[in-house]
Amino acid sequence: MRIDKFLNAVNITKRRAIAEDMLQNKVVYINDKIVKKAKEVKVGDIIKIQYLEYVNRFEVLQIPTTKSTPKSKQDEYIKKL
């Protein structure tokens, strides 16, 4: 699954347009490398989002098969580090 779709599907961002904007502004990293929106996410990848004030890190536990997942099931797909 592409990183822009993944961020939206597991509720890290509210809309895919926000994810695309974050990727365009180069604040999203996978395994400490800046990525573009077409980058594929794999199980075990570490996603880092660099905000102005802080950094969020997530480990990918599994890839969702649906377009969106309930926020209550977010822990099945990512683990916050």
PDB file of N, CA and C in Angstrom:
ATOM      1  N   MET A   1       0.845  -1.182   0.000  1.00  0.00           N
ATOM      2  CA  MET A   1       0.000   0.000   0.000  1.00  0.00           C
ATOM      3  C   MET A   1       0.889   1.243   0.000  1.00  0.00           C
ATOM      4  N   ARG A   2       0.493   2.246  -0.755  1.00  0.00           N
ATOM      5  CA  ARG A   2       1.255   3.498  -0.813  1.00  0.00           C
ATOM      6  C   ARG A   2       1.185   4.238   0.516  1.00  0.00           C
ATOM      7  N   ILE A   3       2.246   4.990   0.822  1.00  0.00           N
ATOM      8  CA  ILE A   3       2.334   5.685   2.105  1.00  0.00           C
ATOM      9  C   ILE A   3       1.198   6.695   2.284  1.00  0.00           C
ATOM     10  N   ASP A   4       0.809   7.419   1.235  1.00  0.00           N
ATOM     11  CA  ASP A   4      -0.265   8.400   1.399  1.00  0.00           C
ATOM     12  C   ASP A   4      -1.590   7.724   1.741  1.00  0.00           C
ATOM     13  N   LYS A   5      -1.863   6.597   1.120  1.00  0.00           N
ATOM     14  CA  LYS A   5      -3.085   5.847   1.426  1.00  0.00           C
ATOM     15  C   LYS A   5      -2.998   5.205   2.811  1.00  0.00           C
ATOM     16  N   PHE A   6      -1.818   4.717   3.173  1.00  0.00           N
ATOM     17  CA  PHE A   6      -1.639   4.069   4.469  1.00  0.00           C
ATOM     18  C   PHE A   6      -1.892   5.044   5.618  1.00  0.00           C
ATOM     19  N   LEU A   7      -1.318   6.250   5.525  1.00  0.00           N
ATOM     20  CA  LEU A   7      -1.492   7.244   6.590  1.00  0.00           C
ATOM     21  C   LEU A   7      -2.965   7.557   6.810  1.00  0.00           C
ATOM     22  N   ASN A   8      -3.729   7.609   5.742  1.00  0.00           N
ATOM     23  CA  ASN A   8      -5.157   7.875   5.853  1.00  0.00           C
ATOM     24  C   ASN A   8      -5.922   6.641   6.333  1.00  0.00           C
ATOM     25  N   ALA A   9      -5.582   5.476   5.829  1.00  0.00           N
ATOM     26  CA  ALA A   9      -6.316   4.250   6.160  1.00  0.00           C
ATOM     27  C   ALA A   9      -6.212   3.882   7.636  1.00  0.00           C
ATOM     28  N   VAL A  10      -5.070   4.148   8.260  1.00  0.00           N
ATOM     29  CA  VAL A  10      -4.898   3.782   9.674  1.00  0.00           C
ATOM     30  C   VAL A  10      -5.101   4.977  10.608  1.00  0.00           C
ATOM     31  N   ASN A  11      -5.703   6.031  10.067  1.00  0.00           N
ATOM     32  CA  ASN A  11      -6.108   7.201  10.862  1.00  0.00           C
ATOM     33  C   ASN A  11      -4.959   7.990  11.467  1.00  0.00           C
ATOM     34  N   ILE A  12      -3.809   8.012  10.832  1.00  0.00           N
ATOM     35  CA  ILE A  12      -2.734   8.913  11.268  1.00  0.00           C
ATOM     36  C   ILE A  12      -3.074  10.319  10.784  1.00  0.00           C
ATOM     37  N   THR A  13      -3.609  10.428   9.569  1.00  0.00           N
ATOM     38  CA  THR A  13      -4.117  11.714   9.070  1.00  0.00           C
ATOM     39  C   THR A  13      -5.615  11.569   8.829  1.00  0.00           C
ATOM     40  N   LYS A  14      -6.331  12.686   8.901  1.00  0.00           N
ATOM     41  CA  LYS A  14      -7.782  12.638   8.728  1.00  0.00           C
ATOM     42  C   LYS A  14      -8.195  12.499   7.270  1.00  0.00           C
ATOM     43  N   ARG A  15      -7.408  13.107   6.381  1.00  0.00           N
ATOM     44  CA  ARG A  15      -7.723  13.040   4.952  1.00  0.00           C
ATOM     45  C   ARG A  15      -6.456  12.732   4.164  1.00  0.00           C
ATOM     46  N   ARG A  16      -6.643  12.114   3.011  1.00  0.00           N
ATOM     47  CA  ARG A  16      -5.495  11.772   2.183  1.00  0.00           C
ATOM     48  C   ARG A  16      -4.803  13.023   1.650  1.00  0.00           C
ATOM     49  N   ALA A  17      -5.556  14.087   1.445  1.00  0.00           N
ATOM     50  CA  ALA A  17      -4.958  15.343   0.978  1.00  0.00           C
ATOM     51  C   ALA A  17      -3.954  15.880   2.000  1.00  0.00           C
ATOM     52  N   ILE A  18      -4.237  15.694   3.268  1.00  0.00           N
ATOM     53  CA  ILE A  18      -3.300  16.121   4.320  1.00  0.00           C
ATOM     54  C   ILE A  18      -2.033  15.278   4.245  1.00  0.00           C
ATOM     55  N   ALA A  19      -2.191  13.973   4.055  1.00  0.00           N
ATOM     56  CA  ALA A  19      -1.036  13.083   3.931  1.00  0.00           C
ATOM     57  C   ALA A  19      -0.185  13.488   2.725  1.00  0.00           C
ATOM     58  N   GLU A  20      -0.831  13.785   1.609  1.00  0.00           N
ATOM     59  CA  GLU A  20      -0.098  14.189   0.404  1.00  0.00           C
ATOM     60  C   GLU A  20       0.646  15.497   0.625  1.00  0.00           C
ATOM     61  N   ASP A  21       0.032  16.433   1.353  1.00  0.00           N
ATOM     62  CA  ASP A  21       0.680  17.711   1.661  1.00  0.00           C
ATOM     63  C   ASP A  21       1.904  17.494   2.551  1.00  0.00           C
ATOM     64  N   MET A  22       1.787  16.610   3.531  1.00  0.00           N
ATOM     65  CA  MET A  22       2.907  16.304   4.418  1.00  0.00           C
ATOM     66  C   MET A  22       4.059  15.676   3.630  1.00  0.00           C
ATOM     67  N   LEU A  23       3.731  14.798   2.702  1.00  0.00           N
ATOM     68  CA  LEU A  23       4.751  14.162   1.874  1.00  0.00           C
ATOM     69  C   LEU A  23       5.416  15.164   0.942  1.00  0.00           C
ATOM     70  N   GLN A  24       4.635  16.083   0.411  1.00  0.00           N
ATOM     71  CA  GLN A  24       5.180  17.103  -0.487  1.00  0.00           C
ATOM     72  C   GLN A  24       6.135  18.036   0.267  1.00  0.00           C
ATOM     73  N   ASN A  25       5.846  18.286   1.548  1.00  0.00           N
ATOM     74  CA  ASN A  25       6.690  19.164   2.360  1.00  0.00           C
ATOM     75  C   ASN A  25       7.833  18.415   3.054  1.00  0.00           C
ATOM     76  N   LYS A  26       8.001  17.151   2.721  1.00  0.00           N
ATOM     77  CA  LYS A  26       9.131  16.332   3.168  1.00  0.00           C
ATOM     78  C   LYS A  26       9.255  16.235   4.688  1.00  0.00           C
ATOM     79  N   VAL A  27       8.133  15.925   5.336  1.00  0.00           N
ATOM     80  CA  VAL A  27       8.158  15.717   6.783  1.00  0.00           C
ATOM     81  C   VAL A  27       7.869  14.265   7.156  1.00  0.00           C
ATOM     82  N   VAL A  28       7.693  13.395   6.145  1.00  0.00           N
ATOM     83  CA  VAL A  28       7.413  11.982   6.394  1.00  0.00           C
ATOM     84  C   VAL A  28       8.621  11.155   5.968  1.00  0.00           C
ATOM     85  N   TYR A  29       9.060  10.287   6.877  1.00  0.00           N
ATOM     86  CA  TYR A  29      10.217   9.427   6.632  1.00  0.00           C
ATOM     87  C   TYR A  29       9.788   7.974   6.830  1.00  0.00           C
ATOM     88  N   ILE A  30      10.378   7.088   6.053  1.00  0.00           N
ATOM     89  CA  ILE A  30      10.264   5.650   6.307  1.00  0.00           C
ATOM     90  C   ILE A  30      11.680   5.140   6.478  1.00  0.00           C
ATOM     91  N   ASN A  31      11.938   4.534   7.624  1.00  0.00           N
ATOM     92  CA  ASN A  31      13.266   4.027   7.959  1.00  0.00           C
ATOM     93  C   ASN A  31      14.324   5.123   7.779  1.00  0.00           C
ATOM     94  N   ASP A  32      14.014   6.321   8.288  1.00  0.00           N
ATOM     95  CA  ASP A  32      14.895   7.498   8.284  1.00  0.00           C
ATOM     96  C   ASP A  32      15.243   8.023   6.896  1.00  0.00           C
ATOM     97  N   LYS A  33      14.410   7.771   5.894  1.00  0.00           N
ATOM     98  CA  LYS A  33      14.600   8.330   4.555  1.00  0.00           C
ATOM     99  C   LYS A  33      13.338   9.075   4.157  1.00  0.00           C
ATOM    100  N   ILE A  34      13.504  10.298   3.640  1.00  0.00           N
ATOM    101  CA  ILE A  34      12.365  11.072   3.155  1.00  0.00           C
ATOM    102  C   ILE A  34      11.732  10.311   1.992  1.00  0.00           C
ATOM    103  N   VAL A  35      10.399  10.254   1.982  1.00  0.00           N
ATOM    104  CA  VAL A  35       9.708   9.477   0.951  1.00  0.00           C
ATOM    105  C   VAL A  35       8.727  10.337   0.166  1.00  0.00           C
ATOM    106  N   LYS A  36       8.384   9.848  -1.016  1.00  0.00           N
ATOM    107  CA  LYS A  36       7.346  10.450  -1.845  1.00  0.00           C
ATOM    108  C   LYS A  36       6.077   9.638  -1.680  1.00  0.00           C
ATOM    109  N   LYS A  37       4.957  10.170  -2.191  1.00  0.00           N
ATOM    110  CA  LYS A  37       3.669   9.531  -1.927  1.00  0.00           C
ATOM    111  C   LYS A  37       3.496   8.162  -2.568  1.00  0.00           C
ATOM    112  N   ALA A  38       4.295   7.811  -3.540  1.00  0.00           N
ATOM    113  CA  ALA A  38       4.170   6.505  -4.199  1.00  0.00           C
ATOM    114  C   ALA A  38       4.948   5.405  -3.477  1.00  0.00           C
ATOM    115  N   LYS A  39       5.690   5.731  -2.434  1.00  0.00           N
ATOM    116  CA  LYS A  39       6.498   4.742  -1.705  1.00  0.00           C
ATOM    117  C   LYS A  39       5.594   3.694  -1.067  1.00  0.00           C
ATOM    118  N   GLU A  40       5.936   2.432  -1.265  1.00  0.00           N
ATOM    119  CA  GLU A  40       5.173   1.330  -0.697  1.00  0.00           C
ATOM    120  C   GLU A  40       5.576   1.097   0.758  1.00  0.00           C
ATOM    121  N   VAL A  41       4.588   0.862   1.611  1.00  0.00           N
ATOM    122  CA  VAL A  41       4.814   0.573   3.030  1.00  0.00           C
ATOM    123  C   VAL A  41       4.825  -0.938   3.211  1.00  0.00           C
ATOM    124  N   LYS A  42       5.773  -1.424   4.020  1.00  0.00           N
ATOM    125  CA  LYS A  42       5.866  -2.858   4.302  1.00  0.00           C
ATOM    126  C   LYS A  42       5.784  -3.083   5.808  1.00  0.00           C
ATOM    127  N   VAL A  43       5.406  -4.274   6.203  1.00  0.00           N
ATOM    128  CA  VAL A  43       5.372  -4.636   7.621  1.00  0.00           C
ATOM    129  C   VAL A  43       6.784  -4.514   8.186  1.00  0.00           C
ATOM    130  N   GLY A  44       6.896  -3.880   9.337  1.00  0.00           N
ATOM    131  CA  GLY A  44       8.190  -3.700   9.975  1.00  0.00           C
ATOM    132  C   GLY A  44       8.816  -2.340   9.723  1.00  0.00           C
ATOM    133  N   ASP A  45       8.291  -1.577   8.765  1.00  0.00           N
ATOM    134  CA  ASP A  45       8.812  -0.238   8.496  1.00  0.00           C
ATOM    135  C   ASP A  45       8.551   0.688   9.684  1.00  0.00           C
ATOM    136  N   ILE A  46       9.445   1.646   9.881  1.00  0.00           N
ATOM    137  CA  ILE A  46       9.275   2.675  10.901  1.00  0.00           C
ATOM    138  C   ILE A  46       8.948   3.981  10.180  1.00  0.00           C
ATOM    139  N   ILE A  47       7.764   4.507  10.460  1.00  0.00           N
ATOM    140  CA  ILE A  47       7.332   5.772   9.862  1.00  0.00           C
ATOM    141  C   ILE A  47       7.587   6.878  10.871  1.00  0.00           C
ATOM    142  N   LYS A  48       8.263   7.933  10.419  1.00  0.00           N
ATOM    143  CA  LYS A  48       8.529   9.090  11.285  1.00  0.00           C
ATOM    144  C   LYS A  48       7.888  10.304  10.641  1.00  0.00           C
ATOM    145  N   ILE A  49       7.136  11.064  11.468  1.00  0.00           N
ATOM    146  CA  ILE A  49       6.525  12.300  10.999  1.00  0.00           C
ATOM    147  C   ILE A  49       7.111  13.433  11.829  1.00  0.00           C
ATOM    148  N   GLN A  50       7.770  14.362  11.154  1.00  0.00           N
ATOM    149  CA  GLN A  50       8.479  15.472  11.798  1.00  0.00           C
ATOM    150  C   GLN A  50       7.566  16.697  11.809  1.00  0.00           C
ATOM    151  N   TYR A  51       6.942  16.951  12.973  1.00  0.00           N
ATOM    152  CA  TYR A  51       6.137  18.168  13.139  1.00  0.00           C
ATOM    153  C   TYR A  51       7.055  19.297  13.601  1.00  0.00           C
ATOM    154  N   LEU A  52       6.543  20.515  13.680  1.00  0.00           N
ATOM    155  CA  LEU A  52       7.370  21.641  14.116  1.00  0.00           C
ATOM    156  C   LEU A  52       7.857  21.476  15.552  1.00  0.00           C
ATOM    157  N   GLU A  53       6.979  21.024  16.429  1.00  0.00           N
ATOM    158  CA  GLU A  53       7.281  20.959  17.859  1.00  0.00           C
ATOM    159  C   GLU A  53       7.743  19.581  18.330  1.00  0.00           C
ATOM    160  N   TYR A  54       7.385  18.541  17.614  1.00  0.00           N
ATOM    161  CA  TYR A  54       7.670  17.179  18.078  1.00  0.00           C
ATOM    162  C   TYR A  54       7.752  16.204  16.910  1.00  0.00           C
ATOM    163  N   VAL A  55       8.100  14.962  17.233  1.00  0.00           N
ATOM    164  CA  VAL A  55       8.226  13.895  16.234  1.00  0.00           C
ATOM    165  C   VAL A  55       7.367  12.712  16.673  1.00  0.00           C
ATOM    166  N   ASN A  56       6.619  12.139  15.743  1.00  0.00           N
ATOM    167  CA  ASN A  56       5.875  10.909  16.002  1.00  0.00           C
ATOM    168  C   ASN A  56       6.517   9.778  15.213  1.00  0.00           C
ATOM    169  N   ARG A  57       6.661   8.627  15.865  1.00  0.00           N
ATOM    170  CA  ARG A  57       7.196   7.431  15.200  1.00  0.00           C
ATOM    171  C   ARG A  57       6.192   6.299  15.350  1.00  0.00           C
ATOM    172  N   PHE A  58       6.015   5.548  14.267  1.00  0.00           N
ATOM    173  CA  PHE A  58       5.092   4.419  14.250  1.00  0.00           C
ATOM    174  C   PHE A  58       5.771   3.225  13.603  1.00  0.00           C
ATOM    175  N   GLU A  59       5.529   2.049  14.159  1.00  0.00           N
ATOM    176  CA  GLU A  59       5.981   0.811  13.523  1.00  0.00           C
ATOM    177  C   GLU A  59       4.786   0.183  12.823  1.00  0.00           C
ATOM    178  N   VAL A  60       4.966  -0.243  11.580  1.00  0.00           N
ATOM    179  CA  VAL A  60       3.900  -0.868  10.805  1.00  0.00           C
ATOM    180  C   VAL A  60       3.793  -2.328  11.233  1.00  0.00           C
ATOM    181  N   LEU A  61       2.631  -2.714  11.757  1.00  0.00           N
ATOM    182  CA  LEU A  61       2.414  -4.086  12.202  1.00  0.00           C
ATOM    183  C   LEU A  61       1.760  -4.935  11.116  1.00  0.00           C
ATOM    184  N   GLN A  62       0.829  -4.343  10.382  1.00  0.00           N
ATOM    185  CA  GLN A  62       0.223  -5.025   9.242  1.00  0.00           C
ATOM    186  C   GLN A  62      -0.370  -3.989   8.303  1.00  0.00           C
ATOM    187  N   ILE A  63      -0.622  -4.400   7.081  1.00  0.00           N
ATOM    188  CA  ILE A  63      -1.150  -3.518   6.051  1.00  0.00           C
ATOM    189  C   ILE A  63      -2.666  -3.734   5.973  1.00  0.00           C
ATOM    190  N   PRO A  64      -3.455  -2.659   6.070  1.00  0.00           N
ATOM    191  CA  PRO A  64      -4.912  -2.833   5.977  1.00  0.00           C
ATOM    192  C   PRO A  64      -5.336  -3.251   4.576  1.00  0.00           C
ATOM    193  N   THR A  65      -6.404  -4.021   4.500  1.00  0.00           N
ATOM    194  CA  THR A  65      -6.919  -4.472   3.205  1.00  0.00           C
ATOM    195  C   THR A  65      -8.070  -3.588   2.734  1.00  0.00           C
ATOM    196  N   THR A  66      -8.582  -2.746   3.628  1.00  0.00           N
ATOM    197  CA  THR A  66      -9.686  -1.860   3.279  1.00  0.00           C
ATOM    198  C   THR A  66      -9.199  -0.421   3.183  1.00  0.00           C
ATOM    199  N   LYS A  67     -10.039   0.427   2.607  1.00  0.00           N
ATOM    200  CA  LYS A  67      -9.699   1.824   2.396  1.00  0.00           C
ATOM    201  C   LYS A  67      -9.579   2.592   3.712  1.00  0.00           C
ATOM    202  N   SER A  68     -10.388   2.215   4.687  1.00  0.00           N
ATOM    203  CA  SER A  68     -10.328   2.870   5.992  1.00  0.00           C
ATOM    204  C   SER A  68     -10.583   1.843   7.085  1.00  0.00           C
ATOM    205  N   THR A  69     -10.060   2.140   8.258  1.00  0.00           N
ATOM    206  CA  THR A  69     -10.238   1.246   9.398  1.00  0.00           C
ATOM    207  C   THR A  69     -10.789   2.059  10.563  1.00  0.00           C
ATOM    208  N   PRO A  70     -11.558   1.425  11.440  1.00  0.00           N
ATOM    209  CA  PRO A  70     -12.052   2.153  12.605  1.00  0.00           C
ATOM    210  C   PRO A  70     -10.890   2.560  13.511  1.00  0.00           C
ATOM    211  N   LYS A  71     -11.018   3.709  14.140  1.00  0.00           N
ATOM    212  CA  LYS A  71      -9.961   4.200  15.017  1.00  0.00           C
ATOM    213  C   LYS A  71      -9.700   3.210  16.165  1.00  0.00           C
ATOM    214  N   SER A  72     -10.731   2.470  16.574  1.00  0.00           N
ATOM    215  CA  SER A  72     -10.577   1.495  17.655  1.00  0.00           C
ATOM    216  C   SER A  72      -9.664   0.330  17.265  1.00  0.00           C
ATOM    217  N   LYS A  73      -9.491   0.092  15.967  1.00  0.00           N
ATOM    218  CA  LYS A  73      -8.633  -1.009  15.499  1.00  0.00           C
ATOM    219  C   LYS A  73      -7.261  -0.527  15.052  1.00  0.00           C
ATOM    220  N   GLN A  74      -6.937   0.732  15.294  1.00  0.00           N
ATOM    221  CA  GLN A  74      -5.664   1.310  14.872  1.00  0.00           C
ATOM    222  C   GLN A  74      -4.472   0.539  15.439  1.00  0.00           C
ATOM    223  N   ASP A  75      -4.592   0.022  16.668  1.00  0.00           N
ATOM    224  CA  ASP A  75      -3.494  -0.696  17.317  1.00  0.00           C
ATOM    225  C   ASP A  75      -3.132  -1.995  16.602  1.00  0.00           C
ATOM    226  N   GLU A  76      -4.020  -2.510  15.762  1.00  0.00           N
ATOM    227  CA  GLU A  76      -3.710  -3.729  15.014  1.00  0.00           C
ATOM    228  C   GLU A  76      -2.761  -3.449  13.845  1.00  0.00           C
ATOM    229  N   TYR A  77      -2.721  -2.200  13.392  1.00  0.00           N
ATOM    230  CA  TYR A  77      -1.957  -1.853  12.194  1.00  0.00           C
ATOM    231  C   TYR A  77      -0.658  -1.104  12.491  1.00  0.00           C
ATOM    232  N   ILE A  78      -0.661  -0.283  13.541  1.00  0.00           N
ATOM    233  CA  ILE A  78       0.537   0.483  13.881  1.00  0.00           C
ATOM    234  C   ILE A  78       0.769   0.464  15.388  1.00  0.00           C
ATOM    235  N   LYS A  79       2.035   0.610  15.755  1.00  0.00           N
ATOM    236  CA  LYS A  79       2.407   0.735  17.167  1.00  0.00           C
ATOM    237  C   LYS A  79       3.193   2.034  17.299  1.00  0.00           C
ATOM    238  N   LYS A  80       2.714   2.908  18.183  1.00  0.00           N
ATOM    239  CA  LYS A  80       3.398   4.178  18.391  1.00  0.00           C
ATOM    240  C   LYS A  80       4.656   3.939  19.210  1.00  0.00           C
ATOM    241  N   LEU A  81       5.781   4.476  18.742  1.00  0.00           N
ATOM    242  CA  LEU A  81       7.062   4.289  19.430  1.00  0.00           C
ATOM    243  C   LEU A  81       7.423   5.512  20.233  1.00  0.00           C
TER     244      LEU A  81
END
